[in-house]
Amino acid sequence: MFNLLDSAFPELELNALAEQARKLGGVWENVSIPFARTDDNGTLITHIGVLEIPMRIMGEDVIVGGIHAVCTHPEYRRRGYFREVMKEVLDYCDKRYDTLLLTTDQAGLYQPFGFRVIPEHSFKAKYNSLGGVNGMRSLNITNSDDVKLIHRLLETRTAVSNIVGVFNHKALFLVNECTRT
């Protein structure tokens, strides 16, 4: 699957990112349900993944379906494979989730399937700290003690908001952490 993703999105180097996430303990394949098509030779040509995202929305804990890793090999595009697999994914998800989440830079591809654009916001804050026992510091994902700390914190974390917040999804955090620049 990662070879297909790399052929569709070569600039992202997803195979390498997935390997880095595995080293941190975030095995994407363990949390994602693949929907795919192959050609006559058994080569993977289209993929859409579904994962379950535990969220707190308006004070209620819910499981939201997450659509991710949507791609078709460049040589097989415009032949209906994406539409065929997306219909299968939506049928699957319709029976399981009240809400689906899909993050993309190409919203127009998904609007015909009923997805709508909701603006996303990022919040950042600067901090000044010398570190130490009582100070803040950045965690280093190449430091084994920091990786242990990250796992402990992810296993015990709660949603950052009762309005909208993700919790208890270690693999999602670890894969996202590997994509930070």
Protein backbone atom coordinates (compact mmCIF):
# COMPACT_ATOMS: atom_id res chain seq x y z
CA MET A 1 0.00 0.00 0.00
CA PHE A 2 2.78 2.45 0.87
CA ASN A 3 4.37 1.86 -2.53
CA LEU A 4 1.06 2.93 -4.12
CA LEU A 5 0.91 5.97 -1.84
CA ASP A 6 4.46 6.89 -2.80
CA SER A 7 3.59 6.64 -6.51
CA ALA A 8 0.54 8.88 -6.01
CA PHE A 9 2.22 11.36 -3.63
CA PRO A 10 6.00 11.08 -4.19
CA GLU A 11 6.74 14.38 -2.46
CA LEU A 12 5.36 13.08 0.88
CA GLU A 13 7.64 10.02 1.17
CA LEU A 14 4.89 8.15 3.03
CA ASN A 15 6.73 4.82 3.03
CA ALA A 16 9.56 6.39 5.04
CA LEU A 17 7.14 8.19 7.37
CA ALA A 18 5.25 4.95 8.04
CA GLU A 19 8.53 3.22 8.89
CA GLN A 20 9.44 5.99 11.31
CA ALA A 21 5.99 5.75 12.93
CA ARG A 22 6.45 1.95 13.28
CA LYS A 23 9.69 2.55 15.17
CA LEU A 24 7.72 4.75 17.57
CA GLY A 25 5.07 2.05 18.01
CA GLY A 26 2.45 3.53 15.68
CA VAL A 27 1.65 0.74 13.24
CA TRP A 28 -0.78 2.29 10.79
CA GLU A 29 -1.77 -1.05 9.28
CA ASN A 30 -3.13 -2.17 12.67
CA VAL A 31 -5.66 0.67 12.86
CA SER A 32 -6.66 1.15 9.22
CA ILE A 33 -9.14 -0.93 7.25
CA PRO A 34 -8.07 -1.01 3.59
CA PHE A 35 -10.45 -0.86 0.65
CA ALA A 36 -8.64 -1.43 -2.63
CA ARG A 37 -8.61 -2.56 -6.22
CA THR A 38 -5.86 -4.42 -8.05
CA ASP A 39 -5.16 -4.84 -11.74
CA ASP A 40 -5.16 -8.21 -13.53
CA ASN A 41 -1.61 -8.87 -12.31
CA GLY A 42 -2.53 -8.31 -8.65
CA THR A 43 -0.84 -4.90 -8.46
CA LEU A 44 -2.55 -2.49 -6.08
CA ILE A 45 -3.94 0.42 -8.13
CA THR A 46 -6.51 2.14 -5.87
CA HIS A 47 -6.72 2.46 -2.09
CA ILE A 48 -8.94 4.16 0.48
CA GLY A 49 -8.38 3.55 4.18
CA VAL A 50 -10.90 3.78 7.01
CA LEU A 51 -9.96 4.17 10.64
CA GLU A 52 -11.90 4.72 13.84
CA ILE A 53 -11.20 7.97 15.65
CA PRO A 54 -12.36 8.23 19.29
CA MET A 55 -13.59 11.79 19.82
CA ARG A 56 -15.41 13.86 22.36
CA ILE A 57 -18.00 16.03 20.61
CA MET A 58 -20.21 18.36 22.64
CA GLY A 59 -19.39 16.40 25.81
CA GLU A 60 -20.22 13.00 24.32
CA ASP A 61 -17.70 10.28 23.49
CA VAL A 62 -18.23 9.01 19.95
CA ILE A 63 -16.37 7.01 17.36
CA VAL A 64 -15.95 8.93 14.12
CA GLY A 65 -14.97 7.24 10.88
CA GLY A 66 -11.81 8.62 9.32
CA ILE A 67 -11.18 8.40 5.58
CA HIS A 68 -7.48 8.55 4.68
CA ALA A 69 -4.78 7.46 2.22
CA VAL A 70 -7.05 7.93 -0.78
CA CYS A 71 -5.13 7.36 -4.00
CA THR A 72 -5.09 5.81 -7.42
CA HIS A 73 -1.88 4.94 -9.25
CA PRO A 74 -1.24 7.68 -11.82
CA GLU A 75 -1.38 5.20 -14.73
CA TYR A 76 -4.89 4.04 -13.73
CA ARG A 77 -6.63 7.37 -13.08
CA ARG A 78 -9.84 8.50 -14.81
CA ARG A 79 -11.14 4.92 -15.16
CA GLY A 80 -13.71 4.93 -12.32
CA TYR A 81 -11.69 2.96 -9.74
CA PHE A 82 -11.74 5.78 -7.16
CA ARG A 83 -15.52 6.21 -7.48
CA GLU A 84 -16.09 2.44 -7.25
CA VAL A 85 -14.00 2.05 -4.09
CA MET A 86 -15.39 5.24 -2.51
CA LYS A 87 -18.95 3.92 -2.91
CA GLU A 88 -17.88 0.71 -1.17
CA VAL A 89 -16.23 2.71 1.63
CA LEU A 90 -19.29 4.91 2.11
CA ASP A 91 -21.60 1.88 2.25
CA TYR A 92 -19.34 0.34 4.90
CA CYS A 93 -19.13 3.57 6.92
CA ASP A 94 -22.85 4.37 6.68
CA LYS A 95 -23.60 1.27 8.78
CA ARG A 96 -21.02 2.15 11.45
CA TYR A 97 -20.54 5.89 11.92
CA ASP A 98 -22.74 8.95 12.26
CA THR A 99 -19.85 11.19 11.20
CA LEU A 100 -16.98 10.82 8.73
CA LEU A 101 -13.83 12.91 8.77
CA LEU A 102 -11.58 13.41 5.76
CA THR A 103 -8.74 15.92 5.60
CA THR A 104 -7.68 16.95 2.10
CA ASP A 105 -6.33 19.75 -0.03
CA GLN A 106 -8.64 18.63 -2.86
CA ALA A 107 -12.13 19.04 -1.40
CA GLY A 108 -13.73 19.11 -4.85
CA LEU A 109 -13.00 15.40 -5.35
CA TYR A 110 -15.13 14.48 -2.34
CA GLN A 111 -18.03 16.92 -2.50
CA PRO A 112 -19.95 14.76 -5.05
CA PHE A 113 -19.99 12.05 -2.35
CA GLY A 114 -21.64 14.35 0.20
CA PHE A 115 -18.55 15.67 1.98
CA ARG A 116 -18.57 19.37 2.81
CA VAL A 117 -15.76 21.76 3.62
CA ILE A 118 -15.37 22.79 7.25
CA PRO A 119 -12.56 25.25 7.92
CA GLU A 120 -9.78 23.86 10.07
CA HIS A 121 -7.81 25.94 12.55
CA SER A 122 -4.41 25.45 14.10
CA PHE A 123 -3.37 27.07 17.33
CA LYS A 124 0.24 27.58 18.28
CA ALA A 125 1.83 29.17 21.30
CA LYS A 126 5.42 30.05 22.00
CA TYR A 127 6.97 29.10 25.26
CA ASN A 128 10.18 30.05 26.95
CA SER A 129 11.63 27.49 29.26
CA LEU A 130 15.04 26.24 30.20
CA GLY A 131 13.65 22.75 30.68
CA GLY A 132 14.54 20.83 33.79
CA VAL A 133 12.25 19.23 36.33
CA ASN A 134 9.66 22.00 36.51
CA GLY A 135 10.05 23.53 33.03
CA MET A 136 8.67 22.76 29.62
CA ARG A 137 10.75 21.32 26.83
CA SER A 138 10.25 19.83 23.41
CA LEU A 139 10.16 16.05 23.31
CA ASN A 140 12.64 14.25 21.09
CA ILE A 141 11.23 11.24 19.21
CA THR A 142 14.74 9.78 18.84
CA ASN A 143 15.20 9.66 22.64
CA SER A 144 13.93 6.36 24.11
CA ASP A 145 12.95 7.97 27.43
CA ASP A 146 10.92 10.59 25.59
CA VAL A 147 9.25 7.90 23.47
CA LYS A 148 8.27 6.03 26.67
CA LEU A 149 6.90 9.29 28.08
CA ILE A 150 4.91 9.93 24.88
CA HIS A 151 3.36 6.44 25.08
CA ARG A 152 2.45 6.86 28.76
CA LEU A 153 0.88 10.24 28.12
CA LEU A 154 -1.05 9.04 25.07
CA GLU A 155 -2.40 6.06 26.99
CA THR A 156 -3.77 8.28 29.75
CA ARG A 157 -4.75 11.44 27.85
CA THR A 158 -8.21 12.88 27.68
CA ALA A 159 -9.69 15.06 24.96
CA VAL A 160 -8.30 18.62 25.02
CA SER A 161 -11.84 19.95 24.65
CA ASN A 162 -15.33 18.80 25.52
CA ILE A 163 -16.56 20.60 22.39
CA VAL A 164 -14.33 18.75 19.87
CA GLY A 165 -11.31 16.67 20.80
CA VAL A 166 -9.56 13.45 19.85
CA PHE A 167 -8.44 11.03 22.56
CA ASN A 168 -7.01 7.53 22.89
CA HIS A 169 -5.64 7.23 19.37
CA LYS A 170 -1.94 6.59 19.72
CA ALA A 171 -1.27 5.49 16.13
CA LEU A 172 -2.90 8.62 14.70
CA PHE A 173 -0.76 10.86 16.90
CA LEU A 174 2.47 8.96 16.19
CA VAL A 175 1.98 8.96 12.41
CA ASN A 176 1.08 12.67 12.49
CA GLU A 177 4.15 13.37 14.64
CA CYS A 178 6.35 11.73 12.01
CA THR A 179 4.98 14.07 9.32
CA ARG A 180 5.95 17.24 11.21
CA THR A 181 8.75 19.25 9.68
